[in-house]
Amino acid sequence: MAPENTRQTPNLYEAFEPNHELLAAAGRGDWARLELLLSKQDDAAACEVVVHIEEPVDVQVEASTAVTPAEAATVARDSVLHVVASRGDGDEFLRSATVIHGKASHLLQSRNSNGDTPLHCATRAGCGKMVTHLVALARKADNGDVGDDEKVKTMLRMQNEQGETVLHEAVRLGNKDMVDRLMSEDPQLARARPADGASPLYLAVSLEHDDIARQLYEKDQALSYSGPDGRNALHVAALKGKDRSSRSTPLHFAASWGEHEVISLLLAADLSSAYQPDIDGSFPIHVAAFANKVKAVSVLLKDREDSAELRDANGRTFLDVAVLEESQSVVTYACKLQSRKFASSVMNMQDKDGNTALHLAVRMGNLWIFNPLMKNREVMLNLRNNMGQTPLDLSWTMIPAGGTFSVPTVSQYMAPSIL
């Protein structure tokens, strides 16, 4: 039995009866009816709920609050603006939002029982026009002039009971346009750090919205990686990889995005992670080369020159991968700086088919990839692959019958060097 001096405070919203007529008008976007009903509400006295809390020492505390029908249109404490914002972004709803804002501008930052603002509801419903409209209303000053952008940022960064902003809703929806729209309004929105929840990046990675995760990172490289229970986005990426039996590590994930600072931190914590392959035999340096992340390659090679000699399941080095993926920056970097970064033998390593990086460059027919290799004196021109072909032999076999394209140009580059 509870102590006699304990009393449960009544829910003030339970004591309030929602205005069903107002709710119906909001639900169908009847802006004219909303304007009429809200005007009548302005003329009427606010509903006042008085709560008496009896204390054992005969001290009576009186608390009062005013709750209007516009502020609590539903049992979930949605305001009329919440209702309008979640219904759609047709002209009737946009105009209804304008009418409501004109009568009660504070409803833009009102919260329902879940802590959601009208902007949360509009974003969750995928109503892009409504999101833009609510942001415009927030920016509008009381005198009708353009207001301070800080008002917009304040609204965008409001968190619900789960600690989530509107950006979380856009990420969960998988809507890249919405993410772009919100990040354009507040470039630092992805830095929001819930007390013990998922950052937008963590959420994107965990939901396998990899394109959105990359989009967030490209918008703000100082964004939050945080997740629940001390985890972060790199952890969930690694766990997700294990679920697919790919054996990817956080270092693979960081290398794919070129996050050189994160790479340095991960290597400092576990140097052996640079030598851990995934299911395809690809090491972090292969992943960085695949994504054309020069800085990541540089960090992975620093004080670990032997990383350049690591081969994937096809016997290919990071240079081979860079050539095949036409990662021009990585190829150029490797050719210009190899003498200071790794052994010259790397330039001539042969894969399972006996092809060197130069063989692969000839096959790709890309002069921007081919030229740096040809200019490097360490590259051997006469090595033969398993088919007995030198790079020059291969170039001649790839000339289309009756055609002249970039491949013959490769042959023209090579012939004088051989002769």
Protein backbone atom coordinates (compact mmCIF):
# COMPACT_ATOMS: atom_id res chain seq x y z
CA MET A 1 0.00 0.00 0.00
CA ALA A 2 1.29 3.46 -0.91
CA PRO A 3 2.05 5.92 1.92
CA GLU A 4 -0.85 8.18 2.84
CA ASN A 5 1.03 11.32 1.85
CA THR A 6 1.53 10.12 -1.77
CA ARG A 7 -0.88 11.35 -4.43
CA GLN A 8 -0.72 10.81 -8.17
CA THR A 9 -0.97 14.05 -10.10
CA PRO A 10 -3.80 13.89 -12.64
CA ASN A 11 -2.95 14.08 -16.36
CA LEU A 12 -4.06 17.56 -17.34
CA TYR A 13 -4.75 16.47 -20.91
CA GLU A 14 -7.03 13.65 -19.79
CA ALA A 15 -9.20 16.27 -18.14
CA PHE A 16 -9.50 18.13 -21.42
CA GLU A 17 -12.08 17.22 -24.06
CA PRO A 18 -10.70 17.68 -27.61
CA ASN A 19 -12.66 19.78 -30.08
CA HIS A 20 -13.78 17.22 -32.65
CA GLU A 21 -14.96 19.87 -35.09
CA LEU A 22 -11.53 21.47 -35.09
CA LEU A 23 -9.89 18.08 -35.52
CA ALA A 24 -12.12 17.20 -38.47
CA ALA A 25 -11.34 20.49 -40.22
CA ALA A 26 -7.59 19.93 -39.74
CA GLY A 27 -7.81 16.37 -41.03
CA ARG A 28 -9.33 17.41 -44.34
CA GLY A 29 -7.33 20.61 -44.76
CA ASP A 30 -10.37 22.88 -44.55
CA TRP A 31 -8.39 26.09 -43.99
CA ALA A 32 -11.45 28.35 -44.12
CA ARG A 33 -13.20 26.37 -41.38
CA LEU A 34 -9.98 26.29 -39.34
CA GLU A 35 -9.66 30.05 -39.55
CA LEU A 36 -13.23 30.48 -38.35
CA LEU A 37 -12.92 28.02 -35.47
CA LEU A 38 -9.57 29.41 -34.31
CA SER A 39 -10.98 32.94 -34.42
CA LYS A 40 -13.82 31.85 -32.15
CA GLN A 41 -11.30 30.23 -29.85
CA ASP A 42 -9.44 33.53 -29.57
CA ASP A 43 -12.61 35.17 -28.36
CA ALA A 44 -13.34 32.47 -25.81
CA ALA A 45 -11.61 32.06 -22.48
CA ALA A 46 -8.94 29.37 -22.34
CA CYS A 47 -9.94 26.15 -20.64
CA GLU A 48 -8.44 26.19 -17.15
CA VAL A 49 -7.78 23.00 -15.22
CA VAL A 50 -7.12 23.37 -11.51
CA VAL A 51 -5.42 20.53 -9.66
CA HIS A 52 -5.42 20.29 -5.88
CA ILE A 53 -2.68 18.24 -4.29
CA GLU A 54 -3.27 17.49 -0.64
CA GLU A 55 -0.17 17.40 1.52
CA PRO A 56 -0.05 15.71 4.95
CA VAL A 57 0.88 19.01 6.62
CA ASP A 58 -2.36 20.64 5.51
CA VAL A 59 -0.57 22.67 2.85
CA GLN A 60 -2.60 22.91 -0.33
CA VAL A 61 -0.75 23.49 -3.62
CA GLU A 62 -2.76 24.84 -6.49
CA ALA A 63 -1.43 24.40 -10.04
CA SER A 64 -3.21 25.75 -13.06
CA THR A 65 -2.59 25.50 -16.75
CA ALA A 66 -4.41 26.55 -19.88
CA VAL A 67 -4.95 23.96 -22.56
CA THR A 68 -6.70 25.04 -25.75
CA PRO A 69 -8.39 22.83 -28.35
CA ALA A 70 -5.72 23.86 -30.88
CA GLU A 71 -2.99 22.56 -28.59
CA ALA A 72 -4.56 19.19 -27.85
CA ALA A 73 -6.70 18.09 -30.77
CA THR A 74 -6.25 14.36 -30.16
CA VAL A 75 -5.81 12.02 -27.22
CA ALA A 76 -2.15 11.72 -28.23
CA ARG A 77 -1.87 15.46 -27.57
CA ASP A 78 -1.36 16.30 -31.23
CA SER A 79 -2.03 19.93 -31.93
CA VAL A 80 -4.03 20.90 -35.00
CA LEU A 81 -0.73 21.71 -36.67
CA HIS A 82 0.50 18.17 -35.99
CA VAL A 83 -2.64 16.85 -37.68
CA VAL A 84 -2.33 19.11 -40.73
CA ALA A 85 1.40 18.47 -41.09
CA SER A 86 0.98 14.70 -41.24
CA ARG A 87 -1.97 14.61 -43.63
CA GLY A 88 -0.23 15.68 -46.85
CA ASP A 89 1.38 18.53 -48.69
CA GLY A 90 -1.41 19.56 -51.00
CA ASP A 91 -2.26 23.24 -51.29
CA GLU A 92 -5.15 22.91 -48.87
CA PHE A 93 -2.90 21.55 -46.13
CA LEU A 94 -0.15 24.07 -46.79
CA ARG A 95 -2.64 26.90 -46.51
CA SER A 96 -4.13 25.33 -43.38
CA ALA A 97 -0.66 25.35 -41.82
CA THR A 98 -0.34 29.03 -42.68
CA VAL A 99 -3.70 29.80 -41.06
CA ILE A 100 -2.80 27.89 -37.88
CA HIS A 101 0.60 29.58 -37.69
CA GLY A 102 -1.07 32.96 -38.05
CA LYS A 103 -3.34 32.23 -35.08
CA ALA A 104 -0.92 30.25 -32.90
CA SER A 105 2.70 30.45 -34.09
CA HIS A 106 3.93 28.70 -30.95
CA LEU A 107 2.44 25.43 -32.22
CA LEU A 108 5.45 25.03 -34.53
CA GLN A 109 7.43 23.93 -31.49
CA SER A 110 4.61 22.15 -29.69
CA ARG A 111 5.10 18.49 -28.77
CA ASN A 112 2.68 15.60 -28.65
CA SER A 113 2.77 12.76 -26.12
CA ASN A 114 5.77 11.23 -27.93
CA GLY A 115 7.62 14.52 -27.95
CA ASP A 116 7.21 14.91 -31.70
CA THR A 117 6.87 18.37 -33.22
CA PRO A 118 4.73 19.03 -36.33
CA LEU A 119 7.96 18.93 -38.34
CA HIS A 120 8.66 15.40 -37.06
CA CYS A 121 5.20 14.36 -38.26
CA ALA A 122 5.56 15.98 -41.69
CA THR A 123 8.97 14.38 -42.23
CA ARG A 124 7.78 10.95 -41.08
CA ALA A 125 4.88 11.17 -43.53
CA GLY A 126 7.28 12.03 -46.37
CA CYS A 127 5.57 15.35 -47.03
CA GLY A 128 8.45 17.27 -48.57
CA LYS A 129 6.47 20.38 -49.47
CA MET A 130 5.05 20.57 -45.96
CA VAL A 131 8.54 20.29 -44.46
CA THR A 132 9.71 23.18 -46.65
CA HIS A 133 6.62 25.18 -45.76
CA LEU A 134 6.98 24.69 -42.00
CA VAL A 135 10.64 25.71 -42.21
CA ALA A 136 9.61 28.84 -44.10
CA LEU A 137 7.01 29.65 -41.43
CA ALA A 138 9.61 29.20 -38.70
CA ARG A 139 11.97 31.57 -40.50
CA LYS A 140 9.25 34.19 -40.85
CA ALA A 141 9.49 36.84 -38.13
CA ASP A 142 6.47 38.12 -36.22
CA ASN A 143 6.45 41.32 -38.28
CA GLY A 144 6.41 39.40 -41.55
CA ASP A 145 10.06 40.00 -42.42
CA VAL A 146 12.61 37.28 -42.95
CA GLY A 147 13.61 36.01 -39.54
CA ASP A 148 16.78 34.65 -38.00
CA ASP A 149 17.98 31.28 -39.31
CA GLU A 150 18.69 30.31 -35.71
CA LYS A 151 14.94 29.89 -35.22
CA VAL A 152 14.93 27.29 -37.96
CA LYS A 153 17.92 25.46 -36.52
CA THR A 154 16.31 25.41 -33.10
CA MET A 155 13.22 23.75 -34.53
CA LEU A 156 15.21 21.27 -36.62
CA ARG A 157 17.30 20.19 -33.63
CA MET A 158 14.37 19.57 -31.30
CA GLN A 159 14.41 15.97 -30.07
CA ASN A 160 11.44 13.79 -29.21
CA GLU A 161 11.21 11.32 -26.31
CA GLN A 162 13.55 8.95 -28.18
CA GLY A 163 16.11 11.71 -28.57
CA GLU A 164 15.55 11.86 -32.33
CA THR A 165 15.44 14.93 -34.57
CA VAL A 166 13.59 15.28 -37.86
CA LEU A 167 16.75 14.09 -39.62
CA HIS A 168 16.32 10.68 -37.99
CA GLU A 169 12.85 10.49 -39.52
CA ALA A 170 14.18 11.31 -42.99
CA VAL A 171 16.93 8.69 -42.62
CA ARG A 172 14.49 6.04 -41.40
CA LEU A 173 12.25 6.83 -44.37
CA GLY A 174 15.22 6.38 -46.71
CA ASN A 175 14.42 9.68 -48.40
CA LYS A 176 17.62 11.19 -49.83
CA ASP A 177 15.85 14.34 -51.04
CA MET A 178 14.48 14.98 -47.57
CA VAL A 179 17.89 14.42 -46.00
CA ASP A 180 19.41 16.86 -48.45
CA ARG A 181 16.68 19.42 -47.75
CA LEU A 182 17.18 19.25 -43.97
CA MET A 183 20.97 19.26 -44.14
CA SER A 184 20.85 22.30 -46.43
CA GLU A 185 18.89 24.17 -43.77
CA ASP A 186 21.26 23.08 -41.00
CA PRO A 187 24.59 21.61 -42.19
CA GLN A 188 25.38 20.51 -38.62
CA LEU A 189 22.12 18.70 -38.00
CA ALA A 190 23.80 15.27 -38.19
CA ARG A 191 25.91 16.17 -35.15
CA ALA A 192 22.94 15.70 -32.82
CA ARG A 193 23.90 13.29 -30.04
CA PRO A 194 21.00 11.64 -28.20
CA ALA A 195 21.69 10.76 -24.57
CA ASP A 196 21.88 7.03 -25.34
CA GLY A 197 20.35 6.70 -28.77
CA ALA A 198 21.39 6.40 -32.38
CA SER A 199 22.90 9.28 -34.31
CA PRO A 200 21.53 9.77 -37.85
CA LEU A 201 24.67 8.13 -39.27
CA TYR A 202 24.37 5.13 -36.93
CA LEU A 203 20.71 4.77 -37.92
CA ALA A 204 21.51 4.95 -41.65
CA VAL A 205 24.20 2.27 -41.38
CA SER A 206 22.08 -0.03 -39.22
CA LEU A 207 19.16 0.24 -41.69
CA GLU A 208 21.54 -0.46 -44.58
CA HIS A 209 20.84 2.92 -46.18
CA ASP A 210 24.46 3.09 -47.30
CA ASP A 211 23.80 5.80 -49.87
CA ILE A 212 22.28 8.01 -47.19
CA ALA A 213 25.13 7.23 -44.79
CA ARG A 214 27.58 8.39 -47.44
CA GLN A 215 25.40 11.44 -48.15
CA LEU A 216 25.47 12.45 -44.48
CA TYR A 217 29.23 12.04 -44.31
CA GLU A 218 29.78 14.09 -47.46
CA LYS A 219 27.58 16.87 -46.06
CA ASP A 220 29.39 17.04 -42.72
CA GLN A 221 32.57 15.10 -42.00
CA ALA A 222 32.37 16.15 -38.34
CA LEU A 223 29.02 14.40 -37.85
CA SER A 224 28.25 12.16 -34.89
CA TYR A 225 29.03 8.43 -35.10
CA SER A 226 27.43 7.67 -31.74
CA GLY A 227 25.02 4.84 -31.08
CA PRO A 228 23.34 3.16 -28.10
CA ASP A 229 25.25 1.33 -25.36
CA GLY A 230 28.59 2.88 -26.26
CA ARG A 231 28.58 1.57 -29.84
CA ASN A 232 29.16 3.70 -32.92
CA ALA A 233 28.51 3.54 -36.66
CA LEU A 234 31.75 1.68 -37.32
CA HIS A 235 30.77 -1.02 -34.85
CA VAL A 236 27.40 -1.59 -36.46
CA ALA A 237 29.00 -1.68 -39.91
CA ALA A 238 31.35 -4.39 -38.75
CA LEU A 239 28.55 -6.36 -37.11
CA LYS A 240 26.46 -6.00 -40.23
CA GLY A 241 29.35 -7.35 -42.24
CA LYS A 242 29.62 -10.35 -39.94
CA ASP A 243 25.94 -11.04 -40.37
CA ARG A 244 26.62 -11.33 -44.10
CA SER A 245 29.69 -13.47 -43.38
CA SER A 246 31.87 -10.83 -45.07
CA ARG A 247 34.21 -10.51 -42.09
CA SER A 248 34.49 -6.78 -42.73
CA THR A 249 36.07 -4.80 -39.92
CA PRO A 250 35.56 -1.18 -38.85
CA LEU A 251 38.83 -0.43 -40.65
CA HIS A 252 37.37 -1.71 -43.94
CA PHE A 253 34.40 0.57 -43.41
CA ALA A 254 36.55 3.61 -42.57
CA ALA A 255 38.81 2.92 -45.57
CA SER A 256 35.85 2.81 -47.95
CA TRP A 257 34.87 6.32 -46.89
CA GLY A 258 38.40 7.66 -46.76
CA GLU A 259 38.12 8.67 -43.11
CA HIS A 260 41.84 9.01 -42.51
CA GLU A 261 41.49 10.31 -38.95
CA VAL A 262 39.32 7.34 -37.99
CA ILE A 263 41.74 5.01 -39.76
CA SER A 264 44.60 6.37 -37.65
CA LEU A 265 42.61 5.85 -34.46
CA LEU A 266 41.64 2.29 -35.38
CA LEU A 267 45.21 1.38 -36.30
CA ALA A 268 46.49 2.86 -33.05
CA ALA A 269 44.05 0.62 -31.18
CA ASP A 270 44.78 -2.52 -33.23
CA LEU A 271 47.60 -2.50 -35.76
CA SER A 272 46.73 -6.03 -36.90
CA SER A 273 43.43 -4.84 -38.37
CA ALA A 274 45.36 -3.56 -41.41
CA TYR A 275 46.22 -7.19 -42.18
CA GLN A 276 42.75 -8.67 -41.70
CA PRO A 277 40.96 -9.60 -44.96
CA ASP A 278 37.24 -9.81 -45.56
CA ILE A 279 35.51 -12.80 -47.14
CA ASP A 280 36.75 -11.77 -50.60
CA GLY A 281 40.32 -11.59 -49.39
CA SER A 282 40.30 -7.80 -49.66
CA PHE A 283 42.32 -5.89 -47.10
CA PRO A 284 41.50 -2.33 -45.98
CA ILE A 285 44.06 -0.95 -48.44
CA HIS A 286 42.21 -2.68 -51.30
CA VAL A 287 38.97 -1.10 -50.15
CA ALA A 288 40.57 2.36 -50.03
CA ALA A 289 41.99 1.90 -53.54
CA PHE A 290 38.61 0.68 -54.82
CA ALA A 291 36.99 3.88 -53.51
CA ASN A 292 39.81 6.11 -54.86
CA LYS A 293 40.62 7.40 -51.36
CA VAL A 294 44.22 8.59 -51.70
CA LYS A 295 44.56 9.92 -48.16
CA ALA A 296 43.30 6.63 -46.75
CA VAL A 297 45.85 4.72 -48.84
CA SER A 298 48.58 7.04 -47.59
CA VAL A 299 47.64 6.51 -43.94
CA LEU A 300 47.45 2.74 -44.39
CA LEU A 301 50.93 2.72 -45.97
CA LYS A 302 52.51 4.97 -43.34
CA ASP A 303 55.00 2.86 -41.36
CA ARG A 304 53.31 -0.20 -42.91
CA GLU A 305 54.92 -0.32 -46.37
CA ASP A 306 54.36 -4.07 -46.54
CA SER A 307 50.60 -3.37 -46.81
CA ALA A 308 51.25 -2.59 -50.47
CA GLU A 309 52.19 -6.24 -50.99
CA LEU A 310 48.91 -7.61 -49.63
CA ARG A 311 46.90 -9.51 -52.24
CA ASP A 312 43.21 -10.23 -52.45
CA ALA A 313 41.61 -13.54 -53.43
CA ASN A 314 42.49 -12.85 -57.09
CA GLY A 315 46.12 -12.21 -56.25
CA ARG A 316 45.77 -8.48 -56.87
CA THR A 317 47.50 -5.68 -54.99
CA PHE A 318 45.88 -2.36 -54.11
CA LEU A 319 47.50 -0.93 -57.28
CA ASP A 320 45.81 -3.58 -59.43
CA VAL A 321 42.47 -2.79 -57.83
CA ALA A 322 43.00 0.94 -58.41
CA VAL A 323 43.73 0.29 -62.09
CA LEU A 324 40.65 -1.90 -62.56
CA GLU A 325 38.39 0.61 -60.82
CA GLU A 326 40.05 3.49 -62.71
CA SER A 327 40.93 5.16 -59.43
CA GLN A 328 43.20 7.66 -61.15
CA SER A 329 44.31 9.51 -58.01
CA VAL A 330 45.48 6.31 -56.31
CA VAL A 331 47.34 5.08 -59.41
CA THR A 332 49.08 8.44 -59.85
CA TYR A 333 49.96 8.55 -56.15
CA ALA A 334 51.40 5.04 -56.21
CA CYS A 335 53.47 5.68 -59.34
CA LYS A 336 54.91 8.97 -58.16
CA LEU A 337 55.60 8.12 -54.54
CA GLN A 338 56.20 4.36 -54.56
CA SER A 339 59.93 4.66 -53.97
CA ARG A 340 59.25 6.23 -50.60
CA LYS A 341 56.28 4.07 -49.66
CA PHE A 342 56.86 0.48 -50.77
CA ALA A 343 59.17 -1.84 -52.68
CA SER A 344 59.48 -1.43 -56.44
CA SER A 345 58.51 -5.08 -56.87
CA VAL A 346 54.91 -4.10 -56.07
CA MET A 347 54.71 -2.31 -59.42
CA ASN A 348 55.29 -5.61 -61.21
CA MET A 349 53.44 -8.12 -59.05
CA GLN A 350 51.34 -10.54 -61.08
CA ASP A 351 47.85 -11.70 -60.20
CA LYS A 352 46.47 -15.23 -60.60
CA ASP A 353 46.23 -14.70 -64.36
CA GLY A 354 49.79 -13.45 -64.52
CA ASN A 355 48.71 -9.90 -65.27
CA THR A 356 50.62 -6.94 -63.88
CA ALA A 357 49.11 -3.53 -63.22
CA LEU A 358 50.30 -2.50 -66.69
CA HIS A 359 48.52 -5.46 -68.33
CA LEU A 360 45.33 -4.40 -66.55
CA ALA A 361 45.79 -0.77 -67.58
CA VAL A 362 46.15 -1.78 -71.22
CA ARG A 363 43.02 -3.88 -70.95
CA MET A 364 41.10 -0.92 -69.49
CA GLY A 365 42.22 1.31 -72.37
CA ASN A 366 42.28 4.38 -70.12
CA LEU A 367 45.25 6.62 -70.93
CA TRP A 368 44.91 8.53 -67.66
CA ILE A 369 45.52 5.25 -65.83
CA PHE A 370 48.07 3.92 -68.33
CA ASN A 371 50.35 6.99 -68.52
CA PRO A 372 51.53 7.10 -64.88
CA LEU A 373 52.55 3.43 -65.09
CA MET A 374 54.43 3.94 -68.35
CA LYS A 375 56.31 6.90 -66.90
CA ASN A 376 57.45 4.88 -63.87
CA ARG A 377 60.88 3.39 -64.57
CA GLU A 378 60.26 0.52 -62.16
CA VAL A 379 57.46 -0.87 -64.33
CA MET A 380 58.66 -3.75 -66.49
CA LEU A 381 57.30 -3.83 -70.02
CA ASN A 382 58.12 -7.39 -71.08
CA LEU A 383 56.53 -9.51 -68.34
CA ARG A 384 54.22 -12.15 -69.78
CA ASN A 385 50.90 -13.23 -68.31
CA ASN A 386 49.58 -16.81 -68.24
CA MET A 387 48.56 -16.45 -71.89
CA GLY A 388 52.14 -15.60 -72.81
CA GLN A 389 51.24 -12.00 -73.58
CA THR A 390 53.27 -8.92 -72.75
CA PRO A 391 51.35 -5.66 -72.22
CA LEU A 392 52.20 -4.70 -75.81
CA ASP A 393 50.94 -8.03 -77.15
CA LEU A 394 47.74 -7.50 -75.24
CA SER A 395 47.30 -4.00 -76.62
CA TRP A 396 47.46 -5.23 -80.22
CA THR A 397 44.90 -7.96 -79.62
CA MET A 398 42.43 -5.40 -78.33
CA ILE A 399 42.36 -3.23 -81.45
CA PRO A 400 38.81 -3.40 -82.88
CA ALA A 401 38.64 -4.63 -86.46
CA GLY A 402 38.43 -1.64 -88.78
CA GLY A 403 38.31 0.80 -85.87
CA THR A 404 40.66 3.28 -84.22
CA PHE A 405 40.02 4.08 -80.60
CA SER A 406 42.09 4.74 -77.49
CA VAL A 407 43.59 1.22 -77.42
CA PRO A 408 45.72 1.78 -80.55
CA THR A 409 46.97 4.94 -78.88
CA VAL A 410 48.16 2.74 -76.00
CA SER A 411 50.00 0.63 -78.53
CA GLN A 412 51.58 3.73 -80.04
CA TYR A 413 52.80 4.73 -76.59
CA MET A 414 54.28 1.33 -75.92
CA ALA A 415 55.88 0.43 -79.25
CA PRO A 416 58.66 3.07 -79.14
CA SER A 417 59.45 2.06 -75.56
CA ILE A 418 59.81 -1.59 -76.48
CA LEU A 419 61.79 -0.93 -79.63
